[in-house]
Amino acid sequence: MTDEHATPTDATAPQPGAATAGAGRAGGAAQGVPPFMGGATAQAAADLPRKAADAVQFVVDTIHDKAVRPAILATRAVVFGLVIAALAVVLVVVGSIALLRLFDVYVFGHRVWLSYIVIGGAFTLVGLAAWTRRTARPSPVRPH
C-alpha cells in the first residue's frame, strides 16, 4: 500500500529486495539481464521488449493503412452507393406517380390516357437522349 502523504525520503528509500536484485551486476545493468552481459549488451537486451513492441505496432499500422482502411472505404462507398441508388429509384417512381396524378387531375381533366402519352413520351425522349450519348466498347474478341 502507498501512503498519500509520503515524504520525498520515503520515495527514494530502497524497496525490500531491491538492494539484492542489482547487487553483483557490473555497471548497474537492467533487471532481468544475466550478469555476464556487458553494459552495451545489457542495454540492448533491456531495449529488446520495447523494440519488439514497436515492430509489432509498425506491422499492425502498416496492415491497417495498406489493407484495412482501403477495404473500409470501399465498403462504405458500396453501401452508400446502394442506399443512394435505392433512394433514387424510389424518388423516380414517386415523382412519376405524382406527375401522372397532377396531369390527370389538373392539366387534362381526368383524361388519364393523355397523361400516359405525355409522361411516356417524356421518358422515351430521355431514353433516346441517353442512347445517343453512349460510347462503343471495344470488342473482347480481336479480329483475325
C-alpha atoms as a PDB file:
ATOM      1  CA  MET A   1       0.000   0.000   0.000  1.00  0.00           C
ATOM      2  CA  THR A   2       1.149   3.530  -0.627  1.00  0.00           C
ATOM      3  CA  ASP A   3       0.790   6.423   1.741  1.00  0.00           C
ATOM      4  CA  GLU A   4      -0.703   9.534   0.127  1.00  0.00           C
ATOM      5  CA  HIS A   5       1.352  11.766   2.435  1.00  0.00           C
ATOM      6  CA  ALA A   6       4.720  10.138   1.705  1.00  0.00           C
ATOM      7  CA  THR A   7       7.774  12.313   2.114  1.00  0.00           C
ATOM      8  CA  PRO A   8      10.468  12.525  -0.591  1.00  0.00           C
ATOM      9  CA  THR A   9      12.792  10.468   1.575  1.00  0.00           C
ATOM     10  CA  ASP A  10      10.188   7.682   1.615  1.00  0.00           C
ATOM     11  CA  ALA A  11      10.032   7.651  -2.202  1.00  0.00           C
ATOM     12  CA  THR A  12      13.804   7.416  -2.598  1.00  0.00           C
ATOM     13  CA  ALA A  13      14.253   4.753   0.053  1.00  0.00           C
ATOM     14  CA  PRO A  14      15.167   1.341  -1.301  1.00  0.00           C
ATOM     15  CA  GLN A  15      12.290  -1.116  -1.531  1.00  0.00           C
ATOM     16  CA  PRO A  16      12.562  -4.510   0.138  1.00  0.00           C
ATOM     17  CA  GLY A  17      14.511  -6.847  -2.135  1.00  0.00           C
ATOM     18  CA  ALA A  18      15.749  -4.021  -4.368  1.00  0.00           C
ATOM     19  CA  ALA A  19      19.211  -3.944  -2.849  1.00  0.00           C
ATOM     20  CA  THR A  20      19.810  -7.599  -3.623  1.00  0.00           C
ATOM     21  CA  ALA A  21      18.331  -7.520  -7.146  1.00  0.00           C
ATOM     22  CA  GLY A  22      21.018  -5.274  -8.627  1.00  0.00           C
ATOM     23  CA  ALA A  23      23.915  -6.478  -6.497  1.00  0.00           C
ATOM     24  CA  GLY A  24      26.680  -8.262  -8.310  1.00  0.00           C
ATOM     25  CA  ARG A  25      25.945  -6.766 -11.733  1.00  0.00           C
ATOM     26  CA  ALA A  26      28.548  -4.704 -13.478  1.00  0.00           C
ATOM     27  CA  GLY A  27      27.672  -1.092 -14.296  1.00  0.00           C
ATOM     28  CA  GLY A  28      24.178  -1.243 -12.777  1.00  0.00           C
ATOM     29  CA  ALA A  29      22.723  -3.368 -15.601  1.00  0.00           C
ATOM     30  CA  ALA A  30      18.957  -3.601 -16.008  1.00  0.00           C
ATOM     31  CA  GLN A  31      16.997  -6.114 -14.013  1.00  0.00           C
ATOM     32  CA  GLY A  32      16.248  -9.403 -15.740  1.00  0.00           C
ATOM     33  CA  VAL A  33      19.530  -9.335 -17.696  1.00  0.00           C
ATOM     34  CA  PRO A  34      22.105 -12.062 -16.937  1.00  0.00           C
ATOM     35  CA  PRO A  35      25.164 -10.787 -15.005  1.00  0.00           C
ATOM     36  CA  PHE A  36      27.663 -11.956 -17.632  1.00  0.00           C
ATOM     37  CA  MET A  37      26.477  -9.344 -20.197  1.00  0.00           C
ATOM     38  CA  GLY A  38      28.405  -6.111 -20.550  1.00  0.00           C
ATOM     39  CA  GLY A  39      26.882  -2.614 -20.289  1.00  0.00           C
ATOM     40  CA  ALA A  40      26.073  -2.131 -24.018  1.00  0.00           C
ATOM     41  CA  THR A  41      24.795  -5.667 -24.413  1.00  0.00           C
ATOM     42  CA  ALA A  42      22.698  -5.364 -21.274  1.00  0.00           C
ATOM     43  CA  GLN A  43      21.190  -2.103 -22.536  1.00  0.00           C
ATOM     44  CA  ALA A  44      20.388  -3.705 -25.905  1.00  0.00           C
ATOM     45  CA  ALA A  45      18.794  -6.675 -24.142  1.00  0.00           C
ATOM     46  CA  ALA A  46      16.790  -4.333 -21.924  1.00  0.00           C
ATOM     47  CA  ASP A  47      15.525  -2.444 -25.036  1.00  0.00           C
ATOM     48  CA  LEU A  48      14.533  -5.654 -26.819  1.00  0.00           C
ATOM     49  CA  PRO A  49      10.920  -5.833 -25.493  1.00  0.00           C
ATOM     50  CA  ARG A  50      10.322  -2.187 -26.409  1.00  0.00           C
ATOM     51  CA  LYS A  51      11.771  -2.711 -29.888  1.00  0.00           C
ATOM     52  CA  ALA A  52       9.673  -5.849 -30.366  1.00  0.00           C
ATOM     53  CA  ALA A  53       6.528  -3.996 -29.312  1.00  0.00           C
ATOM     54  CA  ASP A  54       7.396  -1.135 -31.672  1.00  0.00           C
ATOM     55  CA  ALA A  55       7.948  -3.611 -34.521  1.00  0.00           C
ATOM     56  CA  VAL A  56       4.601  -5.284 -33.884  1.00  0.00           C
ATOM     57  CA  GLN A  57       2.886  -1.883 -33.731  1.00  0.00           C
ATOM     58  CA  PHE A  58       4.558  -0.879 -37.003  1.00  0.00           C
ATOM     59  CA  VAL A  59       3.351  -4.065 -38.726  1.00  0.00           C
ATOM     60  CA  VAL A  60      -0.189  -3.613 -37.411  1.00  0.00           C
ATOM     61  CA  ASP A  61      -0.255   0.045 -38.502  1.00  0.00           C
ATOM     62  CA  THR A  62       1.107  -0.854 -41.938  1.00  0.00           C
ATOM     63  CA  ILE A  63      -1.507  -3.585 -42.443  1.00  0.00           C
ATOM     64  CA  HIS A  64      -4.222  -1.192 -41.307  1.00  0.00           C
ATOM     65  CA  ASP A  65      -3.050   1.557 -43.666  1.00  0.00           C
ATOM     66  CA  LYS A  66      -2.480  -0.700 -46.683  1.00  0.00           C
ATOM     67  CA  ALA A  67      -5.338  -3.210 -46.432  1.00  0.00           C
ATOM     68  CA  VAL A  68      -7.949  -2.499 -43.778  1.00  0.00           C
ATOM     69  CA  ARG A  69      -8.511   1.217 -44.400  1.00  0.00           C
ATOM     70  CA  PRO A  70      -8.984   0.856 -48.201  1.00  0.00           C
ATOM     71  CA  ALA A  71     -11.350  -2.067 -47.585  1.00  0.00           C
ATOM     72  CA  ILE A  72     -13.376   0.030 -45.144  1.00  0.00           C
ATOM     73  CA  LEU A  73     -13.523   2.929 -47.608  1.00  0.00           C
ATOM     74  CA  ALA A  74     -14.578   0.630 -50.468  1.00  0.00           C
ATOM     75  CA  THR A  75     -17.267  -0.971 -48.315  1.00  0.00           C
ATOM     76  CA  ARG A  76     -18.596   2.435 -47.309  1.00  0.00           C
ATOM     77  CA  ALA A  77     -18.678   3.525 -50.946  1.00  0.00           C
ATOM     78  CA  VAL A  78     -20.631   0.413 -51.954  1.00  0.00           C
ATOM     79  CA  VAL A  79     -23.105   0.764 -49.087  1.00  0.00           C
ATOM     80  CA  PHE A  80     -23.683   4.476 -49.631  1.00  0.00           C
ATOM     81  CA  GLY A  81     -23.953   3.895 -53.388  1.00  0.00           C
ATOM     82  CA  LEU A  82     -26.622   1.254 -52.876  1.00  0.00           C
ATOM     83  CA  VAL A  83     -28.545   3.497 -50.482  1.00  0.00           C
ATOM     84  CA  ILE A  84     -28.395   6.420 -52.907  1.00  0.00           C
ATOM     85  CA  ALA A  85     -29.448   4.195 -55.826  1.00  0.00           C
ATOM     86  CA  ALA A  86     -32.406   2.826 -53.854  1.00  0.00           C
ATOM     87  CA  LEU A  87     -33.483   6.329 -52.868  1.00  0.00           C
ATOM     88  CA  ALA A  88     -33.148   7.490 -56.481  1.00  0.00           C
ATOM     89  CA  VAL A  89     -35.401   4.659 -57.685  1.00  0.00           C
ATOM     90  CA  VAL A  90     -37.984   5.479 -55.021  1.00  0.00           C
ATOM     91  CA  LEU A  91     -37.873   9.185 -55.906  1.00  0.00           C
ATOM     92  CA  VAL A  92     -38.291   8.487 -59.640  1.00  0.00           C
ATOM     93  CA  VAL A  93     -41.273   6.194 -59.035  1.00  0.00           C
ATOM     94  CA  VAL A  94     -42.974   8.540 -56.563  1.00  0.00           C
ATOM     95  CA  GLY A  95     -42.238  11.551 -58.787  1.00  0.00           C
ATOM     96  CA  SER A  96     -43.695   9.777 -61.817  1.00  0.00           C
ATOM     97  CA  ILE A  97     -46.847   8.904 -59.913  1.00  0.00           C
ATOM     98  CA  ALA A  98     -47.174  12.476 -58.627  1.00  0.00           C
ATOM     99  CA  LEU A  99     -46.647  13.899 -62.119  1.00  0.00           C
ATOM    100  CA  LEU A 100     -49.191  11.476 -63.580  1.00  0.00           C
ATOM    101  CA  ARG A 101     -51.790  12.462 -60.970  1.00  0.00           C
ATOM    102  CA  LEU A 102     -51.018  16.149 -61.496  1.00  0.00           C
ATOM    103  CA  PHE A 103     -51.519  15.856 -65.269  1.00  0.00           C
ATOM    104  CA  ASP A 104     -54.605  13.668 -64.899  1.00  0.00           C
ATOM    105  CA  VAL A 105     -56.444  15.867 -62.423  1.00  0.00           C
ATOM    106  CA  TYR A 106     -55.318  19.424 -63.189  1.00  0.00           C
ATOM    107  CA  VAL A 107     -53.965  19.552 -66.757  1.00  0.00           C
ATOM    108  CA  PHE A 108     -56.014  17.134 -68.880  1.00  0.00           C
ATOM    109  CA  GLY A 109     -59.273  16.997 -66.909  1.00  0.00           C
ATOM    110  CA  HIS A 110     -59.379  13.302 -65.965  1.00  0.00           C
ATOM    111  CA  ARG A 111     -58.164  12.067 -69.342  1.00  0.00           C
ATOM    112  CA  VAL A 112     -55.630   9.631 -67.936  1.00  0.00           C
ATOM    113  CA  TRP A 113     -54.728   8.224 -71.357  1.00  0.00           C
ATOM    114  CA  LEU A 114     -53.420  11.647 -72.382  1.00  0.00           C
ATOM    115  CA  SER A 115     -51.319  11.830 -69.198  1.00  0.00           C
ATOM    116  CA  TYR A 116     -49.839   8.399 -70.032  1.00  0.00           C
ATOM    117  CA  ILE A 117     -48.923   9.560 -73.530  1.00  0.00           C
ATOM    118  CA  VAL A 118     -47.215  12.740 -72.300  1.00  0.00           C
ATOM    119  CA  ILE A 119     -45.242  11.054 -69.497  1.00  0.00           C
ATOM    120  CA  GLY A 120     -44.411   8.012 -71.662  1.00  0.00           C
ATOM    121  CA  GLY A 121     -43.208  10.335 -74.426  1.00  0.00           C
ATOM    122  CA  ALA A 122     -41.028  12.248 -71.969  1.00  0.00           C
ATOM    123  CA  PHE A 123     -39.444   9.022 -70.676  1.00  0.00           C
ATOM    124  CA  THR A 124     -38.933   7.869 -74.277  1.00  0.00           C
ATOM    125  CA  LEU A 125     -37.144  11.107 -75.186  1.00  0.00           C
ATOM    126  CA  VAL A 126     -34.906  10.835 -72.103  1.00  0.00           C
ATOM    127  CA  GLY A 127     -34.083   7.228 -73.054  1.00  0.00           C
ATOM    128  CA  LEU A 128     -33.289   8.196 -76.657  1.00  0.00           C
ATOM    129  CA  ALA A 129     -31.036  11.016 -75.476  1.00  0.00           C
ATOM    130  CA  ALA A 130     -29.145   8.610 -73.210  1.00  0.00           C
ATOM    131  CA  TRP A 131     -28.921   6.065 -76.051  1.00  0.00           C
ATOM    132  CA  THR A 132     -27.310   8.566 -78.413  1.00  0.00           C
ATOM    133  CA  ARG A 133     -24.693   9.545 -75.813  1.00  0.00           C
ATOM    134  CA  ARG A 134     -23.467   6.009 -75.197  1.00  0.00           C
ATOM    135  CA  THR A 135     -19.920   5.082 -76.199  1.00  0.00           C
ATOM    136  CA  ALA A 136     -18.938   1.981 -78.076  1.00  0.00           C
ATOM    137  CA  ARG A 137     -16.889  -0.501 -76.093  1.00  0.00           C
ATOM    138  CA  PRO A 138     -14.047  -2.315 -77.787  1.00  0.00           C
ATOM    139  CA  SER A 139     -14.873  -5.865 -78.721  1.00  0.00           C
ATOM    140  CA  PRO A 140     -13.366  -8.503 -76.416  1.00  0.00           C
ATOM    141  CA  VAL A 141     -12.670 -10.693 -79.476  1.00  0.00           C
ATOM    142  CA  ARG A 142      -9.887  -9.447 -81.707  1.00  0.00           C
ATOM    143  CA  PRO A 143     -10.378  -9.794 -85.467  1.00  0.00           C
ATOM    144  CA  HIS A 144      -8.076 -12.239 -87.301  1.00  0.00           C
END
